[in-house]
C-alpha cells in the first residue's frame, strides 16, 4: 500500500466537503427521514483512522438536519435482520413515524441462509417498497459493491453471485417504485484496500463516509429533477 492509498476524512477525494454537501441538499423538502433494514441500514462497521466513527445513515441524517433543523430521524435497522423480520418487526413502526423519506436496505442475510429462496426475498422486498410508497414517502436504496475480487475476500467469494442477484432485484424494485438508487456494484470504493471491516461483511467507517456522499449526490439529483418537473 502506498501513501496515495491512505486518506483521512479531510482529504478523501471521494468525499464531498460538508459545505458542498449542505449546498446540494439546500432545497431538500424532506422533514421525516426513516431507515429500515439490516446491519447495512444500521451503519455497522469498524472504525477507520482519520474518519468519524459514524454510519452512513447517521451521517446523512446529520446533513439533512443541518439544512432542515428539526428533521425527525428514525433508524430501525437491526444486525442480522432478514427481509421477513424487517417486514414483521420494523415496517409498522416506520409507517407510524409517517416519514417522507425512507431508505430500505436488506436481503443479504436471507441469502446467507441454507436453501435461500430468492423469489421470497423479492416478494418481501416488494412488500416493503410498496408499503412505504403507499404512505407517500420517497423511497431510497442502494446496491452492494463488488468487493469480492480482493485476495482477502476469498472466504466470502461464494456469496458474490447471490449478491449480484440481490442487486438485480433492488434495481428492478427501484425502477418500479421510482426510488432514489445508488448503484455501488462498480463504484471505485470497492477497490480500496481498507474498505472492508474485519468481518468481511461491512464497510469500515471510511466506506460509510463515501456512501453518505453518494446518497447526498443522488438525493440532490432527485431534488433538481423534481424541481424541473414543476
Protein backbone atom coordinates (compact mmCIF):
# COMPACT_ATOMS: atom_id res chain seq x y z
CA UNK A 1 0.00 0.00 0.00
CA UNK A 2 1.30 3.44 -0.91
CA UNK A 3 0.69 6.72 0.83
CA UNK A 4 -1.67 7.59 -2.03
CA UNK A 5 -3.93 4.74 -0.94
CA UNK A 6 -4.36 6.23 2.54
CA UNK A 7 -6.73 9.09 3.19
CA UNK A 8 -8.43 10.88 6.04
CA UNK A 9 -11.83 12.46 6.02
CA UNK A 10 -10.26 15.85 5.35
CA UNK A 11 -8.51 14.83 2.11
CA UNK A 12 -10.51 11.88 0.77
CA UNK A 13 -11.17 12.64 -2.93
CA UNK A 14 -14.35 10.54 -2.89
CA UNK A 15 -15.97 12.73 -0.24
CA UNK A 16 -17.91 15.95 -0.54
CA UNK A 17 -16.82 18.64 1.87
CA UNK A 18 -19.54 19.35 4.44
CA UNK A 19 -20.34 22.77 2.98
CA UNK A 20 -20.62 21.29 -0.52
CA UNK A 21 -22.92 18.54 0.75
CA UNK A 22 -25.13 21.06 2.52
CA UNK A 23 -25.31 23.18 -0.62
CA UNK A 24 -26.52 20.18 -2.64
CA UNK A 25 -29.21 19.49 -0.05
CA UNK A 26 -30.22 23.12 0.50
CA UNK A 27 -33.61 22.63 -1.18
CA UNK A 28 -34.32 19.23 0.35
CA UNK A 29 -38.06 19.05 1.09
CA UNK A 30 -37.93 16.12 3.50
CA UNK A 31 -38.63 16.55 7.19
CA UNK A 32 -39.05 12.98 8.44
CA UNK A 33 -36.31 10.51 7.46
CA UNK A 34 -36.53 6.81 8.30
CA UNK A 35 -34.22 3.88 7.63
CA UNK A 36 -35.22 0.24 7.91
CA UNK A 37 -33.37 -2.96 7.23
CA UNK A 38 -30.37 -4.93 8.46
CA UNK A 39 -26.86 -4.07 9.69
CA UNK A 40 -26.11 -2.17 6.48
CA UNK A 41 -29.09 0.05 7.18
CA UNK A 42 -27.96 0.39 10.78
CA UNK A 43 -24.48 1.53 9.73
CA UNK A 44 -22.31 -1.21 11.27
CA UNK A 45 -18.58 -1.10 10.53
CA UNK A 46 -15.10 -0.99 12.01
CA UNK A 47 -13.61 2.45 12.71
CA UNK A 48 -11.19 3.94 10.18
CA UNK A 49 -8.32 6.14 11.38
CA UNK A 50 -8.95 9.75 10.41
CA UNK A 51 -12.72 9.31 9.93
CA UNK A 52 -15.66 9.93 12.21
CA UNK A 53 -16.97 6.68 13.67
CA UNK A 54 -20.41 7.30 12.22
CA UNK A 55 -22.50 5.12 9.92
CA UNK A 56 -23.70 6.38 6.56
CA UNK A 57 -27.34 6.86 7.64
CA UNK A 58 -26.47 8.89 10.72
CA UNK A 59 -24.15 11.00 8.58
CA UNK A 60 -26.92 11.64 6.06
CA UNK A 61 -29.41 12.44 8.80
CA UNK A 62 -26.99 14.97 10.28
CA UNK A 63 -26.54 16.67 6.90
CA UNK A 64 -30.29 16.79 6.28
CA UNK A 65 -30.79 18.23 9.77
CA UNK A 66 -28.20 20.92 9.06
CA UNK A 67 -30.35 22.25 6.20
CA UNK A 68 -33.71 21.35 7.76
CA UNK A 69 -33.41 21.98 11.51
CA UNK A 70 -35.94 19.92 13.38
CA UNK A 71 -35.72 16.99 10.96
CA UNK A 72 -37.08 13.85 12.62
CA UNK A 73 -34.94 10.73 12.14
CA UNK A 74 -35.68 7.08 12.87
CA UNK A 75 -33.40 4.12 12.16
CA UNK A 76 -34.87 0.71 12.95
CA UNK A 77 -32.11 -1.26 11.22
CA UNK A 78 -31.05 -4.37 13.13
CA UNK A 79 -28.00 -6.61 12.82
CA UNK A 80 -28.94 -9.97 11.32
CA UNK A 81 -32.44 -8.98 10.21
CA UNK A 82 -33.93 -10.86 7.25
CA UNK A 83 -36.42 -9.31 4.86
CA UNK A 84 -39.27 -11.10 6.64
CA UNK A 85 -38.11 -9.77 10.00
CA UNK A 86 -37.82 -6.25 8.63
CA UNK A 87 -41.37 -6.54 7.30
CA UNK A 88 -42.78 -8.04 10.51
CA UNK A 89 -40.77 -6.14 13.13
CA UNK A 90 -39.82 -2.78 11.62
CA UNK A 91 -42.23 -1.77 8.89
CA UNK A 92 -45.19 -0.81 11.07
CA UNK A 93 -43.01 1.31 13.34
CA UNK A 94 -41.65 3.15 10.34
CA UNK A 95 -45.11 3.70 8.85
CA UNK A 96 -46.39 5.05 12.16
CA UNK A 97 -43.48 7.50 12.15
CA UNK A 98 -45.07 8.99 8.98
CA UNK A 99 -41.80 9.61 7.12
CA UNK A 100 -41.49 11.45 3.83
CA UNK A 101 -38.09 9.89 3.01
CA UNK A 102 -37.36 6.20 3.65
CA UNK A 103 -34.28 4.12 2.96
CA UNK A 104 -34.64 0.34 2.60
CA UNK A 105 -31.62 -2.00 2.81
CA UNK A 106 -31.95 -5.72 3.47
CA UNK A 107 -31.84 -9.10 1.77
CA UNK A 108 -28.24 -10.15 2.26
CA UNK A 109 -28.95 -12.06 5.46
CA UNK A 110 -31.64 -14.10 3.70
CA UNK A 111 -29.10 -15.25 1.13
CA UNK A 112 -26.67 -16.48 3.77
CA UNK A 113 -29.27 -18.98 4.98
CA UNK A 114 -29.28 -22.57 3.69
CA UNK A 115 -31.85 -23.03 0.97
CA UNK A 116 -32.27 -19.31 0.46
CA UNK A 117 -35.42 -18.52 -1.53
CA UNK A 118 -34.66 -15.67 -3.92
CA UNK A 119 -38.28 -15.40 -5.01
CA UNK A 120 -39.37 -14.91 -1.41
CA UNK A 121 -36.68 -12.27 -0.91
CA UNK A 122 -38.05 -10.44 -3.95
CA UNK A 123 -41.62 -10.71 -2.65
CA UNK A 124 -40.66 -9.43 0.81
CA UNK A 125 -38.70 -6.50 -0.60
CA UNK A 126 -41.54 -5.68 -2.97
CA UNK A 127 -43.90 -5.58 0.01
CA UNK A 128 -41.56 -3.20 1.86
CA UNK A 129 -41.14 -0.85 -1.10
CA UNK A 130 -44.88 -0.90 -1.83
CA UNK A 131 -45.91 -0.16 1.76
CA UNK A 132 -43.52 2.76 2.05
CA UNK A 133 -44.58 4.14 -1.32
CA UNK A 134 -48.27 3.91 -0.43
CA UNK A 135 -47.52 6.07 2.59
CA UNK A 136 -46.37 8.81 0.24
CA UNK A 137 -42.68 8.71 1.15
CA UNK A 138 -39.80 8.99 -1.29
CA UNK A 139 -38.03 5.62 -1.27
CA UNK A 140 -34.26 5.39 -1.49
CA UNK A 141 -31.93 2.40 -1.63
CA UNK A 142 -28.56 1.17 -2.89
CA UNK A 143 -26.92 -1.95 -4.23
CA UNK A 144 -23.95 -3.67 -2.62
CA UNK A 145 -20.46 -3.19 -4.04
CA UNK A 146 -18.49 -5.90 -5.84
CA UNK A 147 -15.80 -6.23 -3.18
CA UNK A 148 -15.09 -9.93 -3.71
CA UNK A 149 -12.19 -9.70 -6.15
CA UNK A 150 -9.67 -8.70 -3.48
CA UNK A 151 -7.50 -11.56 -2.24
CA UNK A 152 -8.53 -11.15 1.39
CA UNK A 153 -12.17 -11.52 0.36
CA UNK A 154 -11.66 -15.06 -0.93
CA UNK A 155 -13.53 -16.67 2.03
CA UNK A 156 -16.65 -14.69 1.10
CA UNK A 157 -16.38 -15.08 -2.67
CA UNK A 158 -19.06 -17.80 -2.94
CA UNK A 159 -21.59 -15.11 -1.98
CA UNK A 160 -20.75 -12.89 -4.95
CA UNK A 161 -23.26 -14.44 -7.36
CA UNK A 162 -26.07 -14.30 -4.79
CA UNK A 163 -25.35 -10.66 -4.04
CA UNK A 164 -25.42 -9.88 -7.76
CA UNK A 165 -28.90 -11.44 -7.91
CA UNK A 166 -29.98 -9.35 -4.91
CA UNK A 167 -28.71 -6.24 -6.67
CA UNK A 168 -30.82 -7.09 -9.74
CA UNK A 169 -33.89 -7.33 -7.50
CA UNK A 170 -33.10 -3.98 -5.89
CA UNK A 171 -32.62 -2.31 -9.27
CA UNK A 172 -35.93 -3.69 -10.55
CA UNK A 173 -37.83 -2.52 -7.47
CA UNK A 174 -36.15 0.88 -7.50
CA UNK A 175 -37.36 1.36 -11.06
CA UNK A 176 -40.88 0.15 -10.24
CA UNK A 177 -41.28 2.43 -7.23
CA UNK A 178 -39.33 5.41 -8.57
CA UNK A 179 -36.80 5.09 -5.77
CA UNK A 180 -33.61 7.10 -5.49
CA UNK A 181 -30.98 4.47 -6.28
CA UNK A 182 -27.21 4.48 -5.86
CA UNK A 183 -25.57 1.55 -7.62
CA UNK A 184 -22.34 0.69 -5.83
CA UNK A 185 -21.56 -2.54 -7.72
CA UNK A 186 -18.82 -0.97 -9.88
CA UNK A 187 -18.06 2.01 -7.67
CA UNK A 188 -14.28 2.61 -7.25
CA UNK A 189 -14.74 2.46 -3.49
CA UNK A 190 -14.82 -1.33 -3.83
CA UNK A 191 -11.11 -1.33 -4.78
CA UNK A 192 -9.86 0.40 -1.65
CA UNK A 193 -7.73 -1.98 0.42
CA UNK A 194 -9.16 -0.77 3.74
CA UNK A 195 -12.83 -0.58 2.78
CA UNK A 196 -13.95 -3.80 4.48
CA UNK A 197 -14.27 -4.45 8.20
CA UNK A 198 -12.62 -7.45 9.82
CA UNK A 199 -15.82 -9.49 9.44
CA UNK A 200 -15.54 -9.11 5.61
CA UNK A 201 -19.23 -8.17 5.55
CA UNK A 202 -19.45 -4.47 6.31
CA UNK A 203 -17.72 -1.31 5.16
CA UNK A 204 -15.40 0.43 7.55
CA UNK A 205 -16.41 3.95 8.55
CA UNK A 206 -14.34 5.35 5.67
CA UNK A 207 -16.65 3.42 3.37
CA UNK A 208 -19.70 4.73 5.20
CA UNK A 209 -18.45 8.26 4.61
CA UNK A 210 -18.35 7.63 0.85
CA UNK A 211 -21.80 6.02 0.91
CA UNK A 212 -23.20 9.12 2.60
CA UNK A 213 -21.61 11.34 -0.05
CA UNK A 214 -23.11 9.30 -2.87
CA UNK A 215 -26.53 9.38 -1.21
CA UNK A 216 -26.27 13.17 -0.99
CA UNK A 217 -25.46 13.37 -4.69
CA UNK A 218 -28.36 11.09 -5.59
CA UNK A 219 -30.84 13.00 -3.43
CA UNK A 220 -29.63 16.27 -4.91
CA UNK A 221 -30.24 14.92 -8.42
CA UNK A 222 -33.77 13.94 -7.43
CA UNK A 223 -34.40 17.40 -5.92
CA UNK A 224 -33.29 19.03 -9.17
CA UNK A 225 -35.39 16.66 -11.28
CA UNK A 226 -38.48 17.25 -9.18
CA UNK A 227 -37.95 21.00 -9.34
CA UNK A 228 -37.58 20.91 -13.12
CA UNK A 229 -40.73 18.82 -13.42
CA UNK A 230 -42.61 21.50 -11.53
